[in-house]
């Protein structure tokens, strides 16, 4: 199985991009927004703290074990795992772009976590030996790869016997209006689909059966997929929109290229679309994530 809009590794995507070109484009997008992820790292961790806690409960890192977080961004899940493997274990925070691992490294250093290191690793080509980790964690990363099937096989390859994996992705688009409405509004104003054709979007693994199948086909056993709520909350519409537009890699790239008049029209459209989600405390838009786990 492949991400939406892609085919088997080594072949062109449906819009003509070769996988290597697509990966380079994706890496560039995430490099460009790394600063915003660093700025909002605490807010990201706070919003998904219950997701991280469930992932760690399912993967159950133990003292002395080696843990790898893939697509770590600012490293929130791996940092939370660090206390579970201390004092003799190790956590590696990895991302495909150096700008993200630099942020994760700074956060680990600020916490005094000497047993946490960082590496630049691509999910589809994990430059680590076979059977080298006890636990692999990936929060909101697998869905954004050009070839998630290949990434799943790589995860299986680096897991030791009795190794465990926990992965989260965004659930169905219609149940995630905090982002689905944004895509609708931007697409309506610019006259083209968002995300662009050929770019694996945040809802590319929204189907629980497909997600489970990817992991099962990779050789991961006992795969279970469950849902968790993940609403987007903010004190105001402006706060929510500023944070959302800053963190979404492909979307942020599109927005940065638009004239002020178009950006204003998108903002106005979104104010109308999200009005029903206003509360006395600000805004709260529903969200759902899928959490998958399994072992070897």
C-alpha atoms as a PDB file:
ATOM      1  CA  UNK A   1       0.000   0.000   0.000  1.00  0.00           C
ATOM      2  CA  UNK A   2       1.218   3.520  -0.743  1.00  0.00           C
ATOM      3  CA  UNK A   3       0.431   7.067   0.353  1.00  0.00           C
ATOM      4  CA  UNK A   4      -2.245   8.904  -1.612  1.00  0.00           C
ATOM      5  CA  UNK A   5      -0.886  10.063  -4.936  1.00  0.00           C
ATOM      6  CA  UNK A   6       2.236   7.857  -4.960  1.00  0.00           C
ATOM      7  CA  UNK A   7       3.218   4.541  -6.476  1.00  0.00           C
ATOM      8  CA  UNK A   8       5.915   1.994  -5.768  1.00  0.00           C
ATOM      9  CA  UNK A   9       9.376   3.235  -4.818  1.00  0.00           C
ATOM     10  CA  UNK A  10      11.485   4.008  -7.853  1.00  0.00           C
ATOM     11  CA  UNK A  11       8.511   5.009 -10.010  1.00  0.00           C
ATOM     12  CA  UNK A  12       7.085   8.432 -10.710  1.00  0.00           C
ATOM     13  CA  UNK A  13       4.114   9.804  -8.796  1.00  0.00           C
ATOM     14  CA  UNK A  14       0.947  10.503 -10.765  1.00  0.00           C
ATOM     15  CA  UNK A  15       1.951  14.139 -11.341  1.00  0.00           C
ATOM     16  CA  UNK A  16       5.355  13.141 -12.707  1.00  0.00           C
ATOM     17  CA  UNK A  17       7.555  13.594  -9.635  1.00  0.00           C
ATOM     18  CA  UNK A  18      10.162  10.924  -9.018  1.00  0.00           C
ATOM     19  CA  UNK A  19      10.245   9.685  -5.401  1.00  0.00           C
ATOM     20  CA  UNK A  20      13.670  11.263  -4.772  1.00  0.00           C
ATOM     21  CA  UNK A  21      12.390  14.615  -6.031  1.00  0.00           C
ATOM     22  CA  UNK A  22       9.266  14.310  -3.899  1.00  0.00           C
ATOM     23  CA  UNK A  23      11.299  13.522  -0.779  1.00  0.00           C
ATOM     24  CA  UNK A  24      13.540  16.512  -1.422  1.00  0.00           C
ATOM     25  CA  UNK A  25      10.482  18.736  -1.831  1.00  0.00           C
ATOM     26  CA  UNK A  26       8.925  17.425   1.374  1.00  0.00           C
ATOM     27  CA  UNK A  27      12.175  17.905   3.304  1.00  0.00           C
ATOM     28  CA  UNK A  28      12.377  21.470   2.055  1.00  0.00           C
ATOM     29  CA  UNK A  29       8.842  22.198   3.219  1.00  0.00           C
ATOM     30  CA  UNK A  30       9.528  20.926   6.727  1.00  0.00           C
ATOM     31  CA  UNK A  31      12.864  22.712   6.923  1.00  0.00           C
ATOM     32  CA  UNK A  32      11.049  25.942   6.131  1.00  0.00           C
ATOM     33  CA  UNK A  33       8.611  25.600   9.045  1.00  0.00           C
ATOM     34  CA  UNK A  34      11.016  24.184  11.640  1.00  0.00           C
ATOM     35  CA  UNK A  35      11.345  27.543  13.352  1.00  0.00           C
ATOM     36  CA  UNK A  36       7.602  27.686  13.919  1.00  0.00           C
ATOM     37  CA  UNK A  37       7.638  24.157  15.340  1.00  0.00           C
ATOM     38  CA  UNK A  38      10.321  25.244  17.778  1.00  0.00           C
ATOM     39  CA  UNK A  39       8.291  28.312  18.749  1.00  0.00           C
ATOM     40  CA  UNK A  40       5.121  26.273  19.320  1.00  0.00           C
ATOM     41  CA  UNK A  41       6.761  23.091  20.656  1.00  0.00           C
ATOM     42  CA  UNK A  42       5.219  23.339  24.107  1.00  0.00           C
ATOM     43  CA  UNK A  43       1.757  23.965  22.655  1.00  0.00           C
ATOM     44  CA  UNK A  44       2.109  20.971  20.322  1.00  0.00           C
ATOM     45  CA  UNK A  45       3.150  18.745  23.229  1.00  0.00           C
ATOM     46  CA  UNK A  46       0.314  20.038  25.408  1.00  0.00           C
ATOM     47  CA  UNK A  47      -2.321  19.383  22.751  1.00  0.00           C
ATOM     48  CA  UNK A  48      -1.159  15.815  22.159  1.00  0.00           C
ATOM     49  CA  UNK A  49       0.086  14.921  25.644  1.00  0.00           C
ATOM     50  CA  UNK A  50      -2.616  12.277  26.012  1.00  0.00           C
ATOM     51  CA  UNK A  51      -1.658  10.801  22.634  1.00  0.00           C
ATOM     52  CA  UNK A  52       2.003  10.611  23.647  1.00  0.00           C
ATOM     53  CA  UNK A  53       1.024   9.049  26.970  1.00  0.00           C
ATOM     54  CA  UNK A  54      -1.046   6.388  25.211  1.00  0.00           C
ATOM     55  CA  UNK A  55       1.750   5.649  22.727  1.00  0.00           C
ATOM     56  CA  UNK A  56       4.188   5.160  25.609  1.00  0.00           C
ATOM     57  CA  UNK A  57       1.701   3.016  27.502  1.00  0.00           C
ATOM     58  CA  UNK A  58       1.312   0.755  24.463  1.00  0.00           C
ATOM     59  CA  UNK A  59       5.006   0.575  23.543  1.00  0.00           C
ATOM     60  CA  UNK A  60       6.060   0.323  27.207  1.00  0.00           C
ATOM     61  CA  UNK A  61       9.716   1.420  27.097  1.00  0.00           C
ATOM     62  CA  UNK A  62      11.644  -0.130  29.991  1.00  0.00           C
ATOM     63  CA  UNK A  63      14.801   0.893  31.868  1.00  0.00           C
ATOM     64  CA  UNK A  64      17.905   0.130  29.830  1.00  0.00           C
ATOM     65  CA  UNK A  65      16.151  -0.088  26.451  1.00  0.00           C
ATOM     66  CA  UNK A  66      16.908   1.819  23.237  1.00  0.00           C
ATOM     67  CA  UNK A  67      14.100   3.991  21.869  1.00  0.00           C
ATOM     68  CA  UNK A  68      13.930   5.722  18.487  1.00  0.00           C
ATOM     69  CA  UNK A  69      11.501   8.532  17.726  1.00  0.00           C
ATOM     70  CA  UNK A  70      11.044   9.025  13.985  1.00  0.00           C
ATOM     71  CA  UNK A  71       9.864  12.301  12.409  1.00  0.00           C
ATOM     72  CA  UNK A  72      10.393  13.740  15.867  1.00  0.00           C
ATOM     73  CA  UNK A  73       9.937  17.436  15.104  1.00  0.00           C
ATOM     74  CA  UNK A  74      10.704  19.082  18.463  1.00  0.00           C
ATOM     75  CA  UNK A  75      10.934  15.625  20.039  1.00  0.00           C
ATOM     76  CA  UNK A  76       8.062  15.625  22.503  1.00  0.00           C
ATOM     77  CA  UNK A  77       7.303  11.910  22.530  1.00  0.00           C
ATOM     78  CA  UNK A  78      10.933  10.837  22.743  1.00  0.00           C
ATOM     79  CA  UNK A  79      11.625  13.288  25.536  1.00  0.00           C
ATOM     80  CA  UNK A  80       8.714  11.813  27.474  1.00  0.00           C
ATOM     81  CA  UNK A  81      10.139   8.324  26.871  1.00  0.00           C
ATOM     82  CA  UNK A  82      13.547   9.326  28.244  1.00  0.00           C
ATOM     83  CA  UNK A  83      12.488   9.068  31.875  1.00  0.00           C
ATOM     84  CA  UNK A  84      11.148   5.551  31.284  1.00  0.00           C
ATOM     85  CA  UNK A  85      14.454   4.115  30.028  1.00  0.00           C
ATOM     86  CA  UNK A  86      16.735   5.962  32.484  1.00  0.00           C
ATOM     87  CA  UNK A  87      19.326   5.602  33.808  1.00  0.00           C
ATOM     88  CA  UNK A  88      20.987   3.114  31.450  1.00  0.00           C
ATOM     89  CA  UNK A  89      18.758   3.321  28.383  1.00  0.00           C
ATOM     90  CA  UNK A  90      19.033   5.560  25.340  1.00  0.00           C
ATOM     91  CA  UNK A  91      16.616   7.660  23.299  1.00  0.00           C
ATOM     92  CA  UNK A  92      17.418   8.792  19.770  1.00  0.00           C
ATOM     93  CA  UNK A  93      15.349  11.689  18.453  1.00  0.00           C
ATOM     94  CA  UNK A  94      15.418  11.676  14.654  1.00  0.00           C
ATOM     95  CA  UNK A  95      13.987  13.689  11.812  1.00  0.00           C
ATOM     96  CA  UNK A  96      14.689  13.997   8.104  1.00  0.00           C
ATOM     97  CA  UNK A  97      15.732  17.643   8.433  1.00  0.00           C
ATOM     98  CA  UNK A  98      18.540  19.056  10.565  1.00  0.00           C
ATOM     99  CA  UNK A  99      16.510  22.114  11.527  1.00  0.00           C
ATOM    100  CA  UNK A 100      14.089  19.884  13.455  1.00  0.00           C
ATOM    101  CA  UNK A 101      16.753  17.764  15.173  1.00  0.00           C
ATOM    102  CA  UNK A 102      18.525  20.935  16.300  1.00  0.00           C
ATOM    103  CA  UNK A 103      15.367  22.005  18.105  1.00  0.00           C
ATOM    104  CA  UNK A 104      14.949  18.559  19.665  1.00  0.00           C
ATOM    105  CA  UNK A 105      18.596  18.522  20.775  1.00  0.00           C
ATOM    106  CA  UNK A 106      18.251  21.925  22.426  1.00  0.00           C
ATOM    107  CA  UNK A 107      15.144  20.818  24.302  1.00  0.00           C
ATOM    108  CA  UNK A 108      16.878  17.636  25.508  1.00  0.00           C
ATOM    109  CA  UNK A 109      19.896  19.630  26.672  1.00  0.00           C
ATOM    110  CA  UNK A 110      17.683  22.099  28.528  1.00  0.00           C
ATOM    111  CA  UNK A 111      16.190  19.160  30.426  1.00  0.00           C
ATOM    112  CA  UNK A 112      19.611  17.745  31.229  1.00  0.00           C
ATOM    113  CA  UNK A 113      18.915  14.469  29.408  1.00  0.00           C
ATOM    114  CA  UNK A 114      22.410  13.185  28.661  1.00  0.00           C
ATOM    115  CA  UNK A 115      21.050   9.832  27.458  1.00  0.00           C
ATOM    116  CA  UNK A 116      19.115  11.507  24.633  1.00  0.00           C
ATOM    117  CA  UNK A 117      20.838  12.041  21.278  1.00  0.00           C
ATOM    118  CA  UNK A 118      19.672  13.200  17.848  1.00  0.00           C
ATOM    119  CA  UNK A 119      20.162  11.968  14.288  1.00  0.00           C
ATOM    120  CA  UNK A 120      18.964  12.904  10.819  1.00  0.00           C
ATOM    121  CA  UNK A 121      17.051   9.861   9.563  1.00  0.00           C
ATOM    122  CA  UNK A 122      14.524   9.400   6.772  1.00  0.00           C
ATOM    123  CA  UNK A 123      11.605   7.090   7.579  1.00  0.00           C
ATOM    124  CA  UNK A 124      11.965   5.326   4.251  1.00  0.00           C
ATOM    125  CA  UNK A 125      15.717   4.767   4.621  1.00  0.00           C
ATOM    126  CA  UNK A 126      16.506   4.477   8.314  1.00  0.00           C
ATOM    127  CA  UNK A 127      20.299   4.500   8.504  1.00  0.00           C
ATOM    128  CA  UNK A 128      20.505   2.185  11.502  1.00  0.00           C
ATOM    129  CA  UNK A 129      21.521  -1.505  11.770  1.00  0.00           C
ATOM    130  CA  UNK A 130      19.002  -4.325  11.782  1.00  0.00           C
ATOM    131  CA  UNK A 131      17.499  -5.125  15.182  1.00  0.00           C
ATOM    132  CA  UNK A 132      19.001  -2.091  16.893  1.00  0.00           C
ATOM    133  CA  UNK A 133      16.045  -0.652  18.869  1.00  0.00           C
ATOM    134  CA  UNK A 134      13.602  -2.025  21.411  1.00  0.00           C
ATOM    135  CA  UNK A 135      10.946   0.633  20.765  1.00  0.00           C
ATOM    136  CA  UNK A 136      10.081   2.826  17.776  1.00  0.00           C
ATOM    137  CA  UNK A 137       7.742   5.804  18.143  1.00  0.00           C
ATOM    138  CA  UNK A 138       6.356   8.034  15.402  1.00  0.00           C
ATOM    139  CA  UNK A 139       3.816  10.775  16.052  1.00  0.00           C
ATOM    140  CA  UNK A 140       2.157  12.299  12.961  1.00  0.00           C
ATOM    141  CA  UNK A 141       4.955  11.335  10.577  1.00  0.00           C
ATOM    142  CA  UNK A 142       4.169   8.100   8.730  1.00  0.00           C
ATOM    143  CA  UNK A 143       1.221   9.696   6.907  1.00  0.00           C
ATOM    144  CA  UNK A 144       3.524  12.311   5.363  1.00  0.00           C
ATOM    145  CA  UNK A 145       6.012   9.940   3.740  1.00  0.00           C
ATOM    146  CA  UNK A 146       6.165   9.308   0.008  1.00  0.00           C
ATOM    147  CA  UNK A 147       6.075   5.527   0.573  1.00  0.00           C
ATOM    148  CA  UNK A 148       4.628   4.566   3.984  1.00  0.00           C
ATOM    149  CA  UNK A 149       4.819   0.863   3.146  1.00  0.00           C
ATOM    150  CA  UNK A 150       8.560   1.117   2.754  1.00  0.00           C
ATOM    151  CA  UNK A 151       8.773   3.122   5.979  1.00  0.00           C
ATOM    152  CA  UNK A 152       6.824   0.419   7.828  1.00  0.00           C
ATOM    153  CA  UNK A 153       9.239  -2.229   6.560  1.00  0.00           C
ATOM    154  CA  UNK A 154      12.172  -0.150   7.736  1.00  0.00           C
ATOM    155  CA  UNK A 155      10.620   0.142  11.184  1.00  0.00           C
ATOM    156  CA  UNK A 156      10.212  -3.620  11.307  1.00  0.00           C
ATOM    157  CA  UNK A 157      13.831  -4.125  10.211  1.00  0.00           C
ATOM    158  CA  UNK A 158      15.374  -2.066  12.999  1.00  0.00           C
ATOM    159  CA  UNK A 159      13.247  -3.558  15.789  1.00  0.00           C
ATOM    160  CA  UNK A 160      14.823  -6.176  18.032  1.00  0.00           C
ATOM    161  CA  UNK A 161      13.053  -9.412  18.968  1.00  0.00           C
ATOM    162  CA  UNK A 162      10.171  -8.453  21.287  1.00  0.00           C
ATOM    163  CA  UNK A 163      10.477  -4.899  19.948  1.00  0.00           C
ATOM    164  CA  UNK A 164       7.399  -2.659  20.044  1.00  0.00           C
ATOM    165  CA  UNK A 165       6.123   0.144  17.861  1.00  0.00           C
ATOM    166  CA  UNK A 166       3.538   2.882  18.446  1.00  0.00           C
ATOM    167  CA  UNK A 167       2.458   5.230  15.666  1.00  0.00           C
ATOM    168  CA  UNK A 168      -0.128   8.003  15.514  1.00  0.00           C
ATOM    169  CA  UNK A 169      -1.664   9.588  12.407  1.00  0.00           C
ATOM    170  CA  UNK A 170      -4.605  11.882  11.831  1.00  0.00           C
ATOM    171  CA  UNK A 171      -7.979  10.209  11.453  1.00  0.00           C
ATOM    172  CA  UNK A 172     -10.673  10.934   8.839  1.00  0.00           C
ATOM    173  CA  UNK A 173     -10.672  14.412   7.355  1.00  0.00           C
ATOM    174  CA  UNK A 174     -14.373  14.973   8.037  1.00  0.00           C
ATOM    175  CA  UNK A 175     -13.733  14.386  11.741  1.00  0.00           C
ATOM    176  CA  UNK A 176     -10.820  16.833  11.804  1.00  0.00           C
ATOM    177  CA  UNK A 177     -12.407  20.154  10.851  1.00  0.00           C
ATOM    178  CA  UNK A 178      -9.559  22.003  12.612  1.00  0.00           C
ATOM    179  CA  UNK A 179      -7.518  21.262   9.457  1.00  0.00           C
ATOM    180  CA  UNK A 180     -10.043  20.006   6.910  1.00  0.00           C
ATOM    181  CA  UNK A 181     -11.825  23.372   6.907  1.00  0.00           C
ATOM    182  CA  UNK A 182      -8.498  25.119   6.353  1.00  0.00           C
ATOM    183  CA  UNK A 183      -7.797  23.001   3.291  1.00  0.00           C
ATOM    184  CA  UNK A 184     -11.305  23.725   1.996  1.00  0.00           C
ATOM    185  CA  UNK A 185     -10.933  27.474   2.486  1.00  0.00           C
ATOM    186  CA  UNK A 186      -7.510  27.703   0.878  1.00  0.00           C
ATOM    187  CA  UNK A 187      -8.533  25.514  -2.056  1.00  0.00           C
ATOM    188  CA  UNK A 188     -11.626  27.659  -2.656  1.00  0.00           C
ATOM    189  CA  UNK A 189      -9.574  30.856  -2.810  1.00  0.00           C
ATOM    190  CA  UNK A 190      -6.596  29.625  -4.827  1.00  0.00           C
ATOM    191  CA  UNK A 191      -8.589  27.376  -7.161  1.00  0.00           C
ATOM    192  CA  UNK A 192      -6.511  24.223  -6.723  1.00  0.00           C
ATOM    193  CA  UNK A 193      -6.446  21.238  -4.359  1.00  0.00           C
ATOM    194  CA  UNK A 194      -4.728  21.428  -0.978  1.00  0.00           C
ATOM    195  CA  UNK A 195      -2.428  19.622  -0.371  1.00  0.00           C
ATOM    196  CA  UNK A 196      -1.099  19.813  -3.952  1.00  0.00           C
ATOM    197  CA  UNK A 197      -1.298  16.690  -6.132  1.00  0.00           C
ATOM    198  CA  UNK A 198       1.523  14.261  -5.405  1.00  0.00           C
ATOM    199  CA  UNK A 199       2.120  15.524  -1.866  1.00  0.00           C
ATOM    200  CA  UNK A 200       1.141  13.002   0.850  1.00  0.00           C
ATOM    201  CA  UNK A 201      -1.201  14.902   3.115  1.00  0.00           C
ATOM    202  CA  UNK A 202      -2.101  14.556   6.792  1.00  0.00           C
ATOM    203  CA  UNK A 203      -5.157  12.419   5.966  1.00  0.00           C
ATOM    204  CA  UNK A 204      -3.399   9.968   3.659  1.00  0.00           C
ATOM    205  CA  UNK A 205      -3.652   7.220   6.320  1.00  0.00           C
ATOM    206  CA  UNK A 206      -7.037   8.200   7.724  1.00  0.00           C
ATOM    207  CA  UNK A 207      -8.434   4.695   7.226  1.00  0.00           C
ATOM    208  CA  UNK A 208      -7.723   2.473  10.241  1.00  0.00           C
ATOM    209  CA  UNK A 209      -7.825  -0.689   8.144  1.00  0.00           C
ATOM    210  CA  UNK A 210      -5.239   0.634   5.735  1.00  0.00           C
ATOM    211  CA  UNK A 211      -2.953   1.725   8.552  1.00  0.00           C
ATOM    212  CA  UNK A 212      -3.200  -1.687  10.200  1.00  0.00           C
ATOM    213  CA  UNK A 213      -2.568  -3.380   6.860  1.00  0.00           C
ATOM    214  CA  UNK A 214       0.619  -1.402   6.263  1.00  0.00           C
ATOM    215  CA  UNK A 215       2.091  -2.538   9.555  1.00  0.00           C
ATOM    216  CA  UNK A 216       0.872  -6.127   9.214  1.00  0.00           C
ATOM    217  CA  UNK A 217       2.279  -6.414   5.689  1.00  0.00           C
ATOM    218  CA  UNK A 218       5.622  -5.138   6.985  1.00  0.00           C
ATOM    219  CA  UNK A 219       5.826  -8.094   9.377  1.00  0.00           C
ATOM    220  CA  UNK A 220       4.655  -6.386  12.556  1.00  0.00           C
ATOM    221  CA  UNK A 221       2.457  -8.674  14.662  1.00  0.00           C
ATOM    222  CA  UNK A 222      -0.561  -8.068  16.869  1.00  0.00           C
ATOM    223  CA  UNK A 223      -1.409  -4.735  15.251  1.00  0.00           C
ATOM    224  CA  UNK A 224      -4.227  -2.841  16.954  1.00  0.00           C
ATOM    225  CA  UNK A 225      -5.523   0.579  15.881  1.00  0.00           C
ATOM    226  CA  UNK A 226      -7.588   2.772  18.192  1.00  0.00           C
ATOM    227  CA  UNK A 227      -9.025   6.282  18.089  1.00  0.00           C
ATOM    228  CA  UNK A 228      -8.279   9.152  20.433  1.00  0.00           C
ATOM    229  CA  UNK A 229      -9.817  12.631  20.444  1.00  0.00           C
ATOM    230  CA  UNK A 230      -7.420  15.468  19.634  1.00  0.00           C
ATOM    231  CA  UNK A 231      -9.324  18.763  19.526  1.00  0.00           C
ATOM    232  CA  UNK A 232      -7.642  22.037  18.618  1.00  0.00           C
ATOM    233  CA  UNK A 233      -8.223  24.651  21.310  1.00  0.00           C
ATOM    234  CA  UNK A 234      -7.170  28.287  21.422  1.00  0.00           C
ATOM    235  CA  UNK A 235      -8.107  31.443  23.286  1.00  0.00           C
ATOM    236  CA  UNK A 236      -9.228  33.069  20.033  1.00  0.00           C
ATOM    237  CA  UNK A 237      -9.690  32.448  16.330  1.00  0.00           C
ATOM    238  CA  UNK A 238      -6.571  34.493  15.598  1.00  0.00           C
ATOM    239  CA  UNK A 239      -4.433  32.390  17.933  1.00  0.00           C
ATOM    240  CA  UNK A 240      -5.696  29.155  16.391  1.00  0.00           C
ATOM    241  CA  UNK A 241      -5.199  30.366  12.829  1.00  0.00           C
ATOM    242  CA  UNK A 242      -1.709  31.751  13.490  1.00  0.00           C
ATOM    243  CA  UNK A 243      -0.571  28.455  15.013  1.00  0.00           C
ATOM    244  CA  UNK A 244      -2.237  26.223  12.421  1.00  0.00           C
ATOM    245  CA  UNK A 245      -0.941  28.167   9.437  1.00  0.00           C
ATOM    246  CA  UNK A 246       2.586  28.229  10.891  1.00  0.00           C
ATOM    247  CA  UNK A 247       2.911  24.489  11.570  1.00  0.00           C
ATOM    248  CA  UNK A 248       1.448  22.840   8.459  1.00  0.00           C
ATOM    249  CA  UNK A 249       4.423  22.326   6.141  1.00  0.00           C
ATOM    250  CA  UNK A 250       2.866  22.167   2.631  1.00  0.00           C
ATOM    251  CA  UNK A 251       0.086  24.552   3.651  1.00  0.00           C
ATOM    252  CA  UNK A 252       2.556  27.062   5.091  1.00  0.00           C
ATOM    253  CA  UNK A 253       4.487  27.006   1.822  1.00  0.00           C
ATOM    254  CA  UNK A 254       1.325  27.772  -0.140  1.00  0.00           C
ATOM    255  CA  UNK A 255       0.247  30.572   2.191  1.00  0.00           C
ATOM    256  CA  UNK A 256       3.674  32.214   2.042  1.00  0.00           C
ATOM    257  CA  UNK A 257       3.308  32.572  -1.722  1.00  0.00           C
ATOM    258  CA  UNK A 258      -0.098  34.274  -1.674  1.00  0.00           C
ATOM    259  CA  UNK A 259      -0.824  38.008  -1.928  1.00  0.00           C
ATOM    260  CA  UNK A 260      -2.235  39.799   1.101  1.00  0.00           C
ATOM    261  CA  UNK A 261      -5.675  40.135  -0.489  1.00  0.00           C
ATOM    262  CA  UNK A 262      -5.988  36.372  -0.961  1.00  0.00           C
ATOM    263  CA  UNK A 263      -4.757  35.704   2.573  1.00  0.00           C
ATOM    264  CA  UNK A 264      -7.383  38.110   3.855  1.00  0.00           C
ATOM    265  CA  UNK A 265     -10.107  36.319   1.914  1.00  0.00           C
ATOM    266  CA  UNK A 266      -8.985  32.949   3.313  1.00  0.00           C
ATOM    267  CA  UNK A 267      -9.032  34.326   6.848  1.00  0.00           C
ATOM    268  CA  UNK A 268     -12.510  35.796   6.399  1.00  0.00           C
ATOM    269  CA  UNK A 269     -13.815  32.539   4.952  1.00  0.00           C
ATOM    270  CA  UNK A 270     -12.376  30.599   7.895  1.00  0.00           C
ATOM    271  CA  UNK A 271     -13.938  32.956  10.432  1.00  0.00           C
ATOM    272  CA  UNK A 272     -17.310  32.074   8.962  1.00  0.00           C
ATOM    273  CA  UNK A 273     -16.611  28.339   8.721  1.00  0.00           C
ATOM    274  CA  UNK A 274     -15.394  28.087  12.320  1.00  0.00           C
ATOM    275  CA  UNK A 275     -17.994  30.349  13.935  1.00  0.00           C
ATOM    276  CA  UNK A 276     -19.996  27.385  15.211  1.00  0.00           C
ATOM    277  CA  UNK A 277     -16.953  26.173  17.175  1.00  0.00           C
ATOM    278  CA  UNK A 278     -16.614  29.338  19.255  1.00  0.00           C
ATOM    279  CA  UNK A 279     -16.964  28.890  23.015  1.00  0.00           C
ATOM    280  CA  UNK A 280     -16.825  31.166  26.030  1.00  0.00           C
ATOM    281  CA  UNK A 281     -13.154  30.231  26.369  1.00  0.00           C
ATOM    282  CA  UNK A 282     -12.261  30.821  22.711  1.00  0.00           C
ATOM    283  CA  UNK A 283     -12.489  28.205  19.963  1.00  0.00           C
ATOM    284  CA  UNK A 284     -12.473  24.416  20.077  1.00  0.00           C
ATOM    285  CA  UNK A 285     -12.426  22.446  16.846  1.00  0.00           C
ATOM    286  CA  UNK A 286     -12.811  18.655  16.944  1.00  0.00           C
ATOM    287  CA  UNK A 287      -9.971  16.345  15.983  1.00  0.00           C
ATOM    288  CA  UNK A 288      -9.341  12.594  15.947  1.00  0.00           C
ATOM    289  CA  UNK A 289      -6.095  10.637  15.769  1.00  0.00           C
ATOM    290  CA  UNK A 290      -5.483   6.956  15.108  1.00  0.00           C
ATOM    291  CA  UNK A 291      -2.933   5.213  17.322  1.00  0.00           C
ATOM    292  CA  UNK A 292      -1.506   1.934  16.061  1.00  0.00           C
ATOM    293  CA  UNK A 293       0.702  -0.455  17.971  1.00  0.00           C
ATOM    294  CA  UNK A 294       2.279  -3.842  17.451  1.00  0.00           C
ATOM    295  CA  UNK A 295       5.387  -5.914  18.132  1.00  0.00           C
ATOM    296  CA  UNK A 296       7.846  -8.293  16.510  1.00  0.00           C
END
